[in-house]
Amino acid sequence: METPNFVLLLNVWFILDFNLAFTDSSNVPIGIHPLDEKYFVSEVIKCKDGSNSFTRDRINDEFCDCVDGTDEPGTSACPAGKFYCRNAGSAPRFLFSSRVNDQICDCCDGSDEYDGSIICPNTCVMGGHAEYRTINYGSRVTRFGSAGTKPHRVGLTGEDTIQKLQGLKTVTIVQVILIAFLVFLCLCRRRAKSRRRNSR
């Protein structure tokens, strides 16, 4: 009778261990150029134009604290802001931040549309440019999907794998909480049964 509970607890431990192994410890905000990552590490950060300073928790909070958009690289809050597309497998580039989450895939890796309102296929491995990239031999991707053919993802890069694992983090945590709750209910039920037996 104890074996199923042991196996369940072992599975919970494995899920937690796997989840912690793939957690990104650097927690780099989206839209930042790799050379600027160290700039955003401190708790209080100065705007690059020197006009203001802000705390780390105000990065990408949809409020423009810096005139030059230093604090909002991953949102469209600042008109002068720039979003960095890593585009692994193709040429990296900067976009005006007004093009972030506008339901048009501007980065070939789709990183500019991270809010989930549209799914952008990763075409970087094909060397595609966002405005005129093609999928399935010439069908142009539009903001509502593809014209005539079904879009597909062509291979996964290392960054894609890391992003997918980070995306699974929340799901894994919810699953662990549910499993822990079920274990708790099983233990409560077992205690209630043993109390009933002892009271007889």
C-alpha atoms as a PDB file:
ATOM      1  CA  MET A   1       0.000   0.000   0.000  1.00  0.00           C
ATOM      2  CA  GLU A   2       2.901   2.385   0.646  1.00  0.00           C
ATOM      3  CA  THR A   3       4.532   1.803  -2.753  1.00  0.00           C
ATOM      4  CA  PRO A   4       2.117   3.947  -4.871  1.00  0.00           C
ATOM      5  CA  ASN A   5       2.618   6.930  -2.528  1.00  0.00           C
ATOM      6  CA  PHE A   6       6.388   6.476  -2.672  1.00  0.00           C
ATOM      7  CA  VAL A   7       6.303   6.355  -6.478  1.00  0.00           C
ATOM      8  CA  LEU A   8       4.099   9.465  -6.555  1.00  0.00           C
ATOM      9  CA  LEU A   9       6.477  11.365  -4.267  1.00  0.00           C
ATOM     10  CA  LEU A  10       9.449  10.196  -6.341  1.00  0.00           C
ATOM     11  CA  ASN A  11       7.746  11.529  -9.487  1.00  0.00           C
ATOM     12  CA  VAL A  12       7.080  14.876  -7.792  1.00  0.00           C
ATOM     13  CA  TRP A  13      10.747  15.115  -6.768  1.00  0.00           C
ATOM     14  CA  PHE A  14      11.889  14.266 -10.321  1.00  0.00           C
ATOM     15  CA  ILE A  15       9.636  16.958 -11.822  1.00  0.00           C
ATOM     16  CA  LEU A  16      10.932  19.570  -9.365  1.00  0.00           C
ATOM     17  CA  ASP A  17      14.549  18.575  -9.967  1.00  0.00           C
ATOM     18  CA  PHE A  18      14.094  18.686 -13.767  1.00  0.00           C
ATOM     19  CA  ASN A  19      12.358  22.064 -13.524  1.00  0.00           C
ATOM     20  CA  LEU A  20      15.113  23.613 -11.405  1.00  0.00           C
ATOM     21  CA  ALA A  21      17.840  22.271 -13.693  1.00  0.00           C
ATOM     22  CA  PHE A  22      16.471  24.180 -16.684  1.00  0.00           C
ATOM     23  CA  THR A  23      15.503  27.442 -14.962  1.00  0.00           C
ATOM     24  CA  ASP A  24      17.274  30.456 -16.454  1.00  0.00           C
ATOM     25  CA  SER A  25      19.154  32.027 -13.555  1.00  0.00           C
ATOM     26  CA  SER A  26      20.072  35.226 -15.377  1.00  0.00           C
ATOM     27  CA  ASN A  27      16.446  36.249 -15.958  1.00  0.00           C
ATOM     28  CA  VAL A  28      17.328  38.614 -18.816  1.00  0.00           C
ATOM     29  CA  PRO A  29      14.419  40.895 -19.810  1.00  0.00           C
ATOM     30  CA  ILE A  30      13.077  40.425 -23.338  1.00  0.00           C
ATOM     31  CA  GLY A  31      14.206  42.772 -26.106  1.00  0.00           C
ATOM     32  CA  ILE A  32      17.693  43.482 -24.736  1.00  0.00           C
ATOM     33  CA  HIS A  33      20.843  43.151 -26.843  1.00  0.00           C
ATOM     34  CA  PRO A  34      23.267  40.541 -25.384  1.00  0.00           C
ATOM     35  CA  LEU A  35      25.969  43.194 -24.960  1.00  0.00           C
ATOM     36  CA  ASP A  36      23.560  45.235 -22.799  1.00  0.00           C
ATOM     37  CA  GLU A  37      22.645  42.382 -20.425  1.00  0.00           C
ATOM     38  CA  LYS A  38      25.223  43.499 -17.827  1.00  0.00           C
ATOM     39  CA  TYR A  39      23.819  47.045 -18.011  1.00  0.00           C
ATOM     40  CA  PHE A  40      20.473  45.778 -16.673  1.00  0.00           C
ATOM     41  CA  VAL A  41      21.857  43.641 -13.819  1.00  0.00           C
ATOM     42  CA  SER A  42      22.004  46.264 -11.044  1.00  0.00           C
ATOM     43  CA  GLU A  43      18.961  47.114  -8.954  1.00  0.00           C
ATOM     44  CA  VAL A  44      18.945  50.823  -9.929  1.00  0.00           C
ATOM     45  CA  ILE A  45      19.594  51.483 -13.623  1.00  0.00           C
ATOM     46  CA  LYS A  46      20.255  54.805 -15.357  1.00  0.00           C
ATOM     47  CA  CYS A  47      18.593  55.690 -18.630  1.00  0.00           C
ATOM     48  CA  LYS A  48      21.191  55.563 -21.393  1.00  0.00           C
ATOM     49  CA  ASP A  49      20.534  59.219 -22.239  1.00  0.00           C
ATOM     50  CA  GLY A  50      21.081  60.168 -18.548  1.00  0.00           C
ATOM     51  CA  SER A  51      17.602  61.705 -18.223  1.00  0.00           C
ATOM     52  CA  ASN A  52      16.400  59.503 -15.357  1.00  0.00           C
ATOM     53  CA  SER A  53      16.958  56.269 -13.441  1.00  0.00           C
ATOM     54  CA  PHE A  54      14.658  53.380 -12.611  1.00  0.00           C
ATOM     55  CA  THR A  55      14.618  50.183 -10.569  1.00  0.00           C
ATOM     56  CA  ARG A  56      15.004  46.765 -12.168  1.00  0.00           C
ATOM     57  CA  ASP A  57      11.380  45.821 -11.467  1.00  0.00           C
ATOM     58  CA  ARG A  58      10.250  48.668 -13.761  1.00  0.00           C
ATOM     59  CA  ILE A  59      11.835  47.134 -16.879  1.00  0.00           C
ATOM     60  CA  ASN A  60       9.108  46.265 -19.425  1.00  0.00           C
ATOM     61  CA  ASP A  61       6.300  47.400 -17.106  1.00  0.00           C
ATOM     62  CA  GLU A  62       4.459  49.192 -19.952  1.00  0.00           C
ATOM     63  CA  PHE A  63       5.332  52.639 -18.522  1.00  0.00           C
ATOM     64  CA  CYS A  64       7.990  54.803 -20.166  1.00  0.00           C
ATOM     65  CA  ASP A  65      10.428  56.034 -17.483  1.00  0.00           C
ATOM     66  CA  CYS A  66      13.221  56.954 -19.932  1.00  0.00           C
ATOM     67  CA  VAL A  67      12.784  59.298 -22.887  1.00  0.00           C
ATOM     68  CA  ASP A  68      15.077  57.079 -24.963  1.00  0.00           C
ATOM     69  CA  GLY A  69      13.131  53.904 -24.055  1.00  0.00           C
ATOM     70  CA  THR A  70      15.954  52.222 -22.121  1.00  0.00           C
ATOM     71  CA  ASP A  71      13.500  50.806 -19.562  1.00  0.00           C
ATOM     72  CA  GLU A  72      11.031  49.405 -22.124  1.00  0.00           C
ATOM     73  CA  PRO A  73      12.996  47.294 -24.645  1.00  0.00           C
ATOM     74  CA  GLY A  74      10.296  44.610 -24.724  1.00  0.00           C
ATOM     75  CA  THR A  75       7.123  46.739 -24.886  1.00  0.00           C
ATOM     76  CA  SER A  76       5.678  49.431 -27.112  1.00  0.00           C
ATOM     77  CA  ALA A  77       5.366  51.972 -24.269  1.00  0.00           C
ATOM     78  CA  CYS A  78       8.194  54.276 -25.404  1.00  0.00           C
ATOM     79  CA  PRO A  79       8.110  55.822 -28.900  1.00  0.00           C
ATOM     80  CA  ALA A  80      11.926  55.933 -29.071  1.00  0.00           C
ATOM     81  CA  GLY A  81      12.380  52.387 -27.724  1.00  0.00           C
ATOM     82  CA  LYS A  82      14.202  49.655 -29.629  1.00  0.00           C
ATOM     83  CA  PHE A  83      13.499  45.908 -29.480  1.00  0.00           C
ATOM     84  CA  TYR A  84      16.334  43.477 -30.214  1.00  0.00           C
ATOM     85  CA  CYS A  85      15.506  40.384 -32.284  1.00  0.00           C
ATOM     86  CA  ARG A  86      18.125  37.692 -31.607  1.00  0.00           C
ATOM     87  CA  ASN A  87      17.081  35.769 -34.749  1.00  0.00           C
ATOM     88  CA  ALA A  88      19.333  32.761 -34.059  1.00  0.00           C
ATOM     89  CA  GLY A  89      20.162  31.205 -37.434  1.00  0.00           C
ATOM     90  CA  SER A  90      19.715  34.505 -39.271  1.00  0.00           C
ATOM     91  CA  ALA A  91      20.806  38.143 -38.951  1.00  0.00           C
ATOM     92  CA  PRO A  92      19.915  39.831 -35.634  1.00  0.00           C
ATOM     93  CA  ARG A  93      18.223  43.214 -35.862  1.00  0.00           C
ATOM     94  CA  PHE A  94      16.567  46.041 -33.982  1.00  0.00           C
ATOM     95  CA  LEU A  95      12.919  47.063 -34.377  1.00  0.00           C
ATOM     96  CA  PHE A  96      11.095  50.147 -33.225  1.00  0.00           C
ATOM     97  CA  SER A  97       9.333  49.093 -30.042  1.00  0.00           C
ATOM     98  CA  SER A  98       5.993  50.161 -31.542  1.00  0.00           C
ATOM     99  CA  ARG A  99       6.175  46.927 -33.570  1.00  0.00           C
ATOM    100  CA  VAL A 100       6.227  44.708 -30.449  1.00  0.00           C
ATOM    101  CA  ASN A 101       3.045  42.647 -29.941  1.00  0.00           C
ATOM    102  CA  ASP A 102       1.294  44.335 -32.873  1.00  0.00           C
ATOM    103  CA  GLN A 103       0.174  40.942 -34.303  1.00  0.00           C
ATOM    104  CA  ILE A 104       2.685  41.146 -37.163  1.00  0.00           C
ATOM    105  CA  CYS A 105       5.719  38.852 -37.099  1.00  0.00           C
ATOM    106  CA  ASP A 106       8.647  41.232 -37.604  1.00  0.00           C
ATOM    107  CA  CYS A 107      11.469  39.112 -36.137  1.00  0.00           C
ATOM    108  CA  CYS A 108      12.124  35.896 -38.018  1.00  0.00           C
ATOM    109  CA  ASP A 109      12.314  34.077 -34.664  1.00  0.00           C
ATOM    110  CA  GLY A 110       8.899  35.504 -33.681  1.00  0.00           C
ATOM    111  CA  SER A 111      10.248  36.979 -30.437  1.00  0.00           C
ATOM    112  CA  ASP A 112       8.515  40.330 -31.018  1.00  0.00           C
ATOM    113  CA  GLU A 113       5.101  38.649 -30.655  1.00  0.00           C
ATOM    114  CA  TYR A 114       5.462  37.045 -27.238  1.00  0.00           C
ATOM    115  CA  ASP A 115       2.042  37.935 -25.762  1.00  0.00           C
ATOM    116  CA  GLY A 116       0.392  34.871 -27.340  1.00  0.00           C
ATOM    117  CA  SER A 117      -2.158  36.721 -29.489  1.00  0.00           C
ATOM    118  CA  ILE A 118      -0.448  35.362 -32.624  1.00  0.00           C
ATOM    119  CA  ILE A 119       1.902  32.434 -33.187  1.00  0.00           C
ATOM    120  CA  CYS A 120       4.893  33.296 -35.338  1.00  0.00           C
ATOM    121  CA  PRO A 121       6.765  30.383 -36.908  1.00  0.00           C
ATOM    122  CA  ASN A 122      10.547  30.511 -36.594  1.00  0.00           C
ATOM    123  CA  THR A 123      11.858  31.047 -40.112  1.00  0.00           C
ATOM    124  CA  CYS A 124      15.368  32.151 -39.110  1.00  0.00           C
ATOM    125  CA  VAL A 125      16.897  28.831 -40.113  1.00  0.00           C
ATOM    126  CA  MET A 126      15.642  29.510 -43.640  1.00  0.00           C
ATOM    127  CA  GLY A 127      17.332  32.943 -43.623  1.00  0.00           C
ATOM    128  CA  GLY A 128      13.950  34.636 -43.900  1.00  0.00           C
ATOM    129  CA  HIS A 129      13.307  38.312 -43.427  1.00  0.00           C
ATOM    130  CA  ALA A 130      10.176  39.062 -41.451  1.00  0.00           C
ATOM    131  CA  GLU A 131       8.438  41.335 -43.925  1.00  0.00           C
ATOM    132  CA  TYR A 132       8.766  38.952 -46.886  1.00  0.00           C
ATOM    133  CA  ARG A 133       9.559  35.586 -45.390  1.00  0.00           C
ATOM    134  CA  THR A 134       8.120  32.506 -46.998  1.00  0.00           C
ATOM    135  CA  ILE A 135       6.955  29.184 -45.679  1.00  0.00           C
ATOM    136  CA  ASN A 136       6.048  26.083 -47.673  1.00  0.00           C
ATOM    137  CA  TYR A 137       7.481  27.186 -50.996  1.00  0.00           C
ATOM    138  CA  GLY A 138       6.249  30.711 -51.415  1.00  0.00           C
ATOM    139  CA  SER A 139       3.125  31.279 -49.362  1.00  0.00           C
ATOM    140  CA  ARG A 140       3.487  34.656 -47.648  1.00  0.00           C
ATOM    141  CA  VAL A 141       2.759  34.754 -43.911  1.00  0.00           C
ATOM    142  CA  THR A 142       0.227  37.420 -43.056  1.00  0.00           C
ATOM    143  CA  ARG A 143      -0.938  38.710 -39.691  1.00  0.00           C
ATOM    144  CA  PHE A 144      -3.804  36.183 -39.754  1.00  0.00           C
ATOM    145  CA  GLY A 145      -1.749  33.115 -40.656  1.00  0.00           C
ATOM    146  CA  SER A 146      -0.530  31.884 -44.004  1.00  0.00           C
ATOM    147  CA  ALA A 147      -2.030  32.294 -47.429  1.00  0.00           C
ATOM    148  CA  GLY A 148      -2.953  28.944 -48.907  1.00  0.00           C
ATOM    149  CA  THR A 149      -0.758  26.587 -46.908  1.00  0.00           C
ATOM    150  CA  LYS A 150      -0.362  25.598 -43.315  1.00  0.00           C
ATOM    151  CA  PRO A 151       2.697  27.192 -41.641  1.00  0.00           C
ATOM    152  CA  HIS A 152       5.118  24.885 -39.927  1.00  0.00           C
ATOM    153  CA  ARG A 153       8.133  25.277 -37.670  1.00  0.00           C
ATOM    154  CA  VAL A 154      11.409  24.344 -39.285  1.00  0.00           C
ATOM    155  CA  GLY A 155      13.715  22.864 -36.657  1.00  0.00           C
ATOM    156  CA  LEU A 156      14.447  24.127 -33.171  1.00  0.00           C
ATOM    157  CA  THR A 157      17.483  26.150 -32.183  1.00  0.00           C
ATOM    158  CA  GLY A 158      19.058  26.100 -28.735  1.00  0.00           C
ATOM    159  CA  GLU A 159      17.301  29.352 -27.827  1.00  0.00           C
ATOM    160  CA  ASP A 160      13.950  27.885 -28.909  1.00  0.00           C
ATOM    161  CA  THR A 161      14.514  24.898 -26.651  1.00  0.00           C
ATOM    162  CA  ILE A 162      15.404  27.112 -23.692  1.00  0.00           C
ATOM    163  CA  GLN A 163      12.331  29.306 -24.279  1.00  0.00           C
ATOM    164  CA  LYS A 164      10.092  26.239 -24.506  1.00  0.00           C
ATOM    165  CA  LEU A 165      11.540  24.866 -21.261  1.00  0.00           C
ATOM    166  CA  GLN A 166      10.994  28.216 -19.554  1.00  0.00           C
ATOM    167  CA  GLY A 167       7.441  28.252 -20.873  1.00  0.00           C
ATOM    168  CA  LEU A 168       6.912  24.805 -19.388  1.00  0.00           C
ATOM    169  CA  LYS A 169       8.092  26.044 -16.008  1.00  0.00           C
ATOM    170  CA  THR A 170       4.697  27.486 -15.085  1.00  0.00           C
ATOM    171  CA  VAL A 171       2.878  24.378 -16.274  1.00  0.00           C
ATOM    172  CA  THR A 172       5.239  22.183 -14.279  1.00  0.00           C
ATOM    173  CA  ILE A 173       4.768  24.251 -11.132  1.00  0.00           C
ATOM    174  CA  VAL A 174       0.983  24.011 -11.471  1.00  0.00           C
ATOM    175  CA  GLN A 175       1.259  20.244 -11.970  1.00  0.00           C
ATOM    176  CA  VAL A 176       3.466  19.895  -8.893  1.00  0.00           C
ATOM    177  CA  ILE A 177       1.004  21.907  -6.815  1.00  0.00           C
ATOM    178  CA  LEU A 178      -1.858  19.703  -8.018  1.00  0.00           C
ATOM    179  CA  ILE A 179       0.095  16.526  -7.267  1.00  0.00           C
ATOM    180  CA  ALA A 180       1.011  17.833  -3.815  1.00  0.00           C
ATOM    181  CA  PHE A 181      -2.647  18.650  -3.201  1.00  0.00           C
ATOM    182  CA  LEU A 182      -3.679  15.128  -4.260  1.00  0.00           C
ATOM    183  CA  VAL A 183      -1.024  13.602  -1.985  1.00  0.00           C
ATOM    184  CA  PHE A 184      -2.310  15.769   0.850  1.00  0.00           C
ATOM    185  CA  LEU A 185      -5.886  14.596   0.212  1.00  0.00           C
ATOM    186  CA  CYS A 186      -4.767  10.940   0.141  1.00  0.00           C
ATOM    187  CA  LEU A 187      -2.933  11.358   3.439  1.00  0.00           C
ATOM    188  CA  CYS A 188      -5.944  13.074   5.037  1.00  0.00           C
ATOM    189  CA  ARG A 189      -8.223  10.319   3.810  1.00  0.00           C
ATOM    190  CA  ARG A 190      -5.880   7.631   5.151  1.00  0.00           C
ATOM    191  CA  ARG A 191      -5.692   9.360   8.547  1.00  0.00           C
ATOM    192  CA  ALA A 192      -9.479   9.633   8.682  1.00  0.00           C
ATOM    193  CA  LYS A 193      -9.810   5.901   7.941  1.00  0.00           C
ATOM    194  CA  SER A 194      -7.285   4.943  10.610  1.00  0.00           C
ATOM    195  CA  ARG A 195      -9.032   7.198  13.151  1.00  0.00           C
ATOM    196  CA  ARG A 196     -12.340   5.464  12.370  1.00  0.00           C
ATOM    197  CA  ARG A 197     -10.689   2.043  12.837  1.00  0.00           C
ATOM    198  CA  ASN A 198      -9.085   3.102  16.127  1.00  0.00           C
ATOM    199  CA  SER A 199     -12.338   4.539  17.464  1.00  0.00           C
ATOM    200  CA  ARG A 200     -14.149   1.201  16.982  1.00  0.00           C
END
